Amino acid sequence: MTLALRVEGRTVRGELALDLPPGTTAAKRDRAIGALLVAPLSDAAATLSVVLAAAPSAYAYPLPGKDEAGRTLFVVRGRVEGDRLVPERPEATIAVRRR
């Protein structure tokens, strides 16, 4: 597992690479992502003086392909709206899904 998360202005940006065996269900994947992201996302929200608006797994979006170690790639995105950090769909995943 590799996780890099950073606060940029009023947004949170990051990348996640996670070992997911073939056949992993979405529920199991979301639990694994949530367990990894809950502390870093909570820290980022505290830095921004806001609270999380959704489950941690809602901030992670899968990317096509795998990294050189065969791990599934995700981008992590959130933005401040009012007093909450809400998930933000990255443009790259939108463009890939439209093809």
N, C-alpha and C. Protein backbone atom coordinates (compact mmCIF):
# COMPACT_ATOMS: atom_id res chain seq x y z
N MET A 1 0.85 -1.17 0.00
CA MET A 1 0.00 0.00 0.00
C MET A 1 0.89 1.23 0.00
N THR A 2 0.53 2.18 -0.82
CA THR A 2 1.21 3.47 -0.87
C THR A 2 0.14 4.55 -0.79
N LEU A 3 0.35 5.53 0.09
CA LEU A 3 -0.60 6.63 0.23
C LEU A 3 0.16 7.94 0.32
N ALA A 4 -0.23 8.89 -0.50
CA ALA A 4 0.30 10.25 -0.43
C ALA A 4 -0.89 11.19 -0.43
N LEU A 5 -1.04 11.98 0.63
CA LEU A 5 -2.18 12.88 0.77
C LEU A 5 -1.67 14.25 1.19
N ARG A 6 -2.22 15.32 0.57
CA ARG A 6 -1.77 16.66 0.88
C ARG A 6 -2.94 17.65 0.81
N VAL A 7 -2.84 18.70 1.60
CA VAL A 7 -3.82 19.79 1.58
C VAL A 7 -3.26 20.87 0.66
N GLU A 8 -4.08 21.28 -0.32
CA GLU A 8 -3.70 22.34 -1.26
C GLU A 8 -4.80 23.39 -1.25
N GLY A 9 -4.58 24.48 -0.54
CA GLY A 9 -5.61 25.51 -0.44
C GLY A 9 -6.81 24.97 0.31
N ARG A 10 -7.96 24.92 -0.36
CA ARG A 10 -9.20 24.41 0.24
C ARG A 10 -9.56 23.03 -0.31
N THR A 11 -8.55 22.31 -0.79
CA THR A 11 -8.77 20.98 -1.33
C THR A 11 -7.79 19.98 -0.71
N VAL A 12 -8.15 18.72 -0.84
CA VAL A 12 -7.27 17.61 -0.44
C VAL A 12 -7.01 16.80 -1.70
N ARG A 13 -5.75 16.49 -1.94
CA ARG A 13 -5.34 15.73 -3.12
C ARG A 13 -4.47 14.59 -2.68
N GLY A 14 -4.56 13.47 -3.38
CA GLY A 14 -3.70 12.36 -3.03
C GLY A 14 -3.77 11.23 -4.01
N GLU A 15 -2.93 10.26 -3.78
CA GLU A 15 -2.87 9.05 -4.59
C GLU A 15 -2.79 7.86 -3.64
N LEU A 16 -3.33 6.76 -4.08
CA LEU A 16 -3.34 5.54 -3.28
C LEU A 16 -3.10 4.37 -4.22
N ALA A 17 -2.20 3.49 -3.84
CA ALA A 17 -1.97 2.24 -4.56
C ALA A 17 -2.20 1.12 -3.56
N LEU A 18 -3.10 0.20 -3.89
CA LEU A 18 -3.55 -0.81 -2.94
C LEU A 18 -3.54 -2.19 -3.57
N ASP A 19 -3.00 -3.17 -2.83
CA ASP A 19 -3.05 -4.56 -3.29
C ASP A 19 -4.47 -5.08 -3.10
N LEU A 20 -5.13 -5.37 -4.19
CA LEU A 20 -6.47 -5.95 -4.15
C LEU A 20 -6.45 -7.23 -4.98
N PRO A 21 -6.65 -8.36 -4.33
CA PRO A 21 -6.65 -9.62 -5.09
C PRO A 21 -7.81 -9.67 -6.08
N PRO A 22 -7.65 -10.40 -7.17
CA PRO A 22 -8.76 -10.56 -8.12
C PRO A 22 -9.99 -11.10 -7.39
N GLY A 23 -11.14 -10.57 -7.76
CA GLY A 23 -12.39 -11.02 -7.15
C GLY A 23 -12.77 -10.28 -5.88
N THR A 24 -12.00 -9.27 -5.49
CA THR A 24 -12.33 -8.49 -4.30
C THR A 24 -13.65 -7.77 -4.54
N THR A 25 -14.58 -7.92 -3.62
CA THR A 25 -15.88 -7.26 -3.78
C THR A 25 -15.73 -5.75 -3.51
N ALA A 26 -16.68 -4.99 -4.02
CA ALA A 26 -16.66 -3.54 -3.81
C ALA A 26 -16.75 -3.21 -2.33
N ALA A 27 -17.56 -3.96 -1.59
CA ALA A 27 -17.71 -3.70 -0.16
C ALA A 27 -16.39 -3.94 0.58
N LYS A 28 -15.70 -5.01 0.23
CA LYS A 28 -14.41 -5.30 0.88
C LYS A 28 -13.37 -4.26 0.48
N ARG A 29 -13.37 -3.86 -0.79
CA ARG A 29 -12.46 -2.82 -1.27
C ARG A 29 -12.71 -1.51 -0.51
N ASP A 30 -13.98 -1.13 -0.38
CA ASP A 30 -14.31 0.12 0.31
C ASP A 30 -13.91 0.08 1.77
N ARG A 31 -14.04 -1.07 2.43
CA ARG A 31 -13.61 -1.19 3.83
C ARG A 31 -12.10 -1.03 3.93
N ALA A 32 -11.36 -1.62 3.01
CA ALA A 32 -9.90 -1.51 3.03
C ALA A 32 -9.47 -0.06 2.79
N ILE A 33 -10.10 0.60 1.81
CA ILE A 33 -9.78 2.00 1.53
C ILE A 33 -10.13 2.86 2.74
N GLY A 34 -11.30 2.63 3.30
CA GLY A 34 -11.73 3.41 4.46
C GLY A 34 -10.77 3.29 5.63
N ALA A 35 -10.32 2.07 5.89
CA ALA A 35 -9.38 1.85 7.01
C ALA A 35 -8.08 2.62 6.79
N LEU A 36 -7.64 2.71 5.55
CA LEU A 36 -6.39 3.41 5.24
C LEU A 36 -6.55 4.92 5.23
N LEU A 37 -7.72 5.40 4.82
CA LEU A 37 -7.91 6.85 4.63
C LEU A 37 -8.50 7.58 5.83
N VAL A 38 -9.13 6.87 6.76
CA VAL A 38 -9.86 7.56 7.83
C VAL A 38 -8.95 8.51 8.62
N ALA A 39 -7.80 8.10 9.04
CA ALA A 39 -6.93 8.98 9.84
C ALA A 39 -6.34 10.12 8.99
N PRO A 40 -5.76 9.83 7.81
CA PRO A 40 -5.21 10.94 7.02
C PRO A 40 -6.26 11.95 6.57
N LEU A 41 -7.45 11.47 6.19
CA LEU A 41 -8.51 12.40 5.77
C LEU A 41 -9.02 13.21 6.96
N SER A 42 -9.15 12.58 8.11
CA SER A 42 -9.59 13.30 9.31
C SER A 42 -8.58 14.37 9.69
N ASP A 43 -7.28 14.05 9.57
CA ASP A 43 -6.24 15.03 9.85
C ASP A 43 -6.31 16.20 8.86
N ALA A 44 -6.52 15.88 7.59
CA ALA A 44 -6.63 16.93 6.57
C ALA A 44 -7.85 17.82 6.85
N ALA A 45 -8.97 17.19 7.21
CA ALA A 45 -10.17 17.96 7.53
C ALA A 45 -9.93 18.87 8.74
N ALA A 46 -9.25 18.35 9.74
CA ALA A 46 -8.94 19.16 10.92
C ALA A 46 -8.05 20.34 10.55
N THR A 47 -7.08 20.12 9.67
CA THR A 47 -6.22 21.20 9.20
C THR A 47 -7.03 22.30 8.53
N LEU A 48 -8.08 21.90 7.82
CA LEU A 48 -8.95 22.85 7.12
C LEU A 48 -10.09 23.37 8.00
N SER A 49 -10.16 22.89 9.25
CA SER A 49 -11.22 23.27 10.20
C SER A 49 -12.61 22.90 9.70
N VAL A 50 -12.72 21.69 9.11
CA VAL A 50 -14.00 21.18 8.63
C VAL A 50 -14.14 19.73 9.08
N VAL A 51 -15.28 19.12 8.76
CA VAL A 51 -15.52 17.70 9.06
C VAL A 51 -15.75 16.95 7.76
N LEU A 52 -15.55 15.64 7.80
CA LEU A 52 -15.80 14.81 6.62
C LEU A 52 -17.30 14.72 6.36
N ALA A 53 -17.69 14.85 5.10
CA ALA A 53 -19.10 14.79 4.72
C ALA A 53 -19.51 13.40 4.27
N ALA A 54 -18.56 12.47 4.12
CA ALA A 54 -18.87 11.14 3.60
C ALA A 54 -17.88 10.14 4.17
N ALA A 55 -18.16 8.88 3.91
CA ALA A 55 -17.25 7.81 4.30
C ALA A 55 -15.91 8.01 3.59
N PRO A 56 -14.79 7.68 4.23
CA PRO A 56 -13.49 7.88 3.59
C PRO A 56 -13.36 7.24 2.21
N SER A 57 -13.97 6.10 1.99
CA SER A 57 -13.85 5.45 0.68
C SER A 57 -14.50 6.26 -0.44
N ALA A 58 -15.42 7.16 -0.10
CA ALA A 58 -16.08 7.99 -1.11
C ALA A 58 -15.14 9.02 -1.73
N TYR A 59 -14.01 9.26 -1.12
CA TYR A 59 -13.05 10.25 -1.63
C TYR A 59 -12.05 9.62 -2.61
N ALA A 60 -12.06 8.30 -2.73
CA ALA A 60 -11.09 7.59 -3.59
C ALA A 60 -11.78 7.10 -4.86
N TYR A 61 -11.13 7.36 -5.99
CA TYR A 61 -11.67 6.98 -7.29
C TYR A 61 -10.63 6.11 -8.01
N PRO A 62 -11.05 4.94 -8.49
CA PRO A 62 -10.09 4.06 -9.17
C PRO A 62 -9.66 4.62 -10.52
N LEU A 63 -8.43 4.35 -10.85
CA LEU A 63 -7.89 4.71 -12.15
C LEU A 63 -7.70 3.43 -12.96
N PRO A 64 -7.70 3.54 -14.27
CA PRO A 64 -7.47 2.34 -15.08
C PRO A 64 -6.04 1.85 -14.92
N GLY A 65 -5.88 0.55 -15.02
CA GLY A 65 -4.55 -0.04 -14.96
C GLY A 65 -4.05 -0.25 -13.55
N LYS A 66 -2.81 -0.67 -13.48
CA LYS A 66 -2.16 -0.95 -12.20
C LYS A 66 -0.78 -0.31 -12.21
N ASP A 67 -0.17 -0.18 -11.03
CA ASP A 67 1.19 0.35 -10.97
C ASP A 67 2.19 -0.78 -11.27
N GLU A 68 3.48 -0.45 -11.24
CA GLU A 68 4.51 -1.43 -11.59
C GLU A 68 4.54 -2.64 -10.65
N ALA A 69 4.00 -2.50 -9.44
CA ALA A 69 3.94 -3.60 -8.48
C ALA A 69 2.62 -4.38 -8.58
N GLY A 70 1.76 -4.01 -9.54
CA GLY A 70 0.50 -4.71 -9.71
C GLY A 70 -0.61 -4.26 -8.79
N ARG A 71 -0.43 -3.11 -8.13
CA ARG A 71 -1.45 -2.60 -7.23
C ARG A 71 -2.47 -1.75 -7.98
N THR A 72 -3.70 -1.75 -7.48
CA THR A 72 -4.77 -0.93 -8.04
C THR A 72 -4.52 0.52 -7.65
N LEU A 73 -4.69 1.43 -8.61
CA LEU A 73 -4.44 2.85 -8.39
C LEU A 73 -5.73 3.61 -8.15
N PHE A 74 -5.67 4.56 -7.22
CA PHE A 74 -6.80 5.43 -6.90
C PHE A 74 -6.29 6.85 -6.78
N VAL A 75 -7.13 7.81 -7.14
CA VAL A 75 -6.87 9.20 -6.79
C VAL A 75 -7.80 9.53 -5.63
N VAL A 76 -7.33 10.39 -4.75
CA VAL A 76 -8.12 10.82 -3.59
C VAL A 76 -8.34 12.31 -3.74
N ARG A 77 -9.60 12.72 -3.71
CA ARG A 77 -9.94 14.13 -3.91
C ARG A 77 -11.06 14.57 -2.97
N GLY A 78 -10.92 15.76 -2.42
CA GLY A 78 -11.96 16.36 -1.61
C GLY A 78 -11.85 17.87 -1.69
N ARG A 79 -12.96 18.56 -1.48
CA ARG A 79 -12.94 20.02 -1.48
C ARG A 79 -13.85 20.53 -0.36
N VAL A 80 -13.53 21.70 0.12
CA VAL A 80 -14.31 22.29 1.21
C VAL A 80 -15.56 22.94 0.63
N GLU A 81 -16.68 22.61 1.22
CA GLU A 81 -17.96 23.27 0.94
C GLU A 81 -18.57 23.59 2.28
N GLY A 82 -18.64 24.87 2.61
CA GLY A 82 -19.15 25.28 3.92
C GLY A 82 -18.22 24.78 5.01
N ASP A 83 -18.78 23.97 5.92
CA ASP A 83 -17.97 23.45 7.02
C ASP A 83 -17.67 21.96 6.85
N ARG A 84 -17.72 21.48 5.60
CA ARG A 84 -17.49 20.06 5.32
C ARG A 84 -16.48 19.85 4.20
N LEU A 85 -15.79 18.72 4.30
CA LEU A 85 -14.93 18.26 3.22
C LEU A 85 -15.72 17.23 2.43
N VAL A 86 -16.06 17.56 1.20
CA VAL A 86 -16.89 16.68 0.37
C VAL A 86 -16.03 16.00 -0.70
N PRO A 87 -16.41 14.78 -1.09
CA PRO A 87 -15.67 14.11 -2.17
C PRO A 87 -15.77 14.91 -3.46
N GLU A 88 -14.70 14.88 -4.21
CA GLU A 88 -14.66 15.59 -5.49
C GLU A 88 -14.19 14.62 -6.56
N ARG A 89 -15.00 14.44 -7.58
CA ARG A 89 -14.63 13.53 -8.66
C ARG A 89 -13.56 14.19 -9.51
N PRO A 90 -12.41 13.53 -9.64
CA PRO A 90 -11.34 14.11 -10.46
C PRO A 90 -11.68 14.08 -11.94
N GLU A 91 -11.29 15.10 -12.64
CA GLU A 91 -11.58 15.21 -14.08
C GLU A 91 -10.99 14.04 -14.87
N ALA A 92 -9.84 13.55 -14.46
CA ALA A 92 -9.20 12.45 -15.20
C ALA A 92 -10.09 11.21 -15.23
N THR A 93 -10.76 10.90 -14.12
CA THR A 93 -11.61 9.70 -14.12
C THR A 93 -12.87 9.93 -14.95
N ILE A 94 -13.36 11.16 -14.98
CA ILE A 94 -14.53 11.46 -15.79
C ILE A 94 -14.19 11.27 -17.26
N ALA A 95 -13.05 11.79 -17.68
CA ALA A 95 -12.63 11.68 -19.08
C ALA A 95 -12.42 10.23 -19.48
N VAL A 96 -11.82 9.43 -18.61
CA VAL A 96 -11.58 8.02 -18.91
C VAL A 96 -12.89 7.27 -19.05
N ARG A 97 -13.85 7.53 -18.18
CA ARG A 97 -15.11 6.81 -18.20
C ARG A 97 -15.99 7.20 -19.39
N ARG A 98 -15.77 8.36 -19.98
CA ARG A 98 -16.58 8.79 -21.12
C ARG A 98 -16.12 8.14 -22.42
N ARG A 99 -14.95 7.57 -22.43
CA ARG A 99 -14.42 6.95 -23.66
C ARG A 99 -15.09 5.65 -23.96
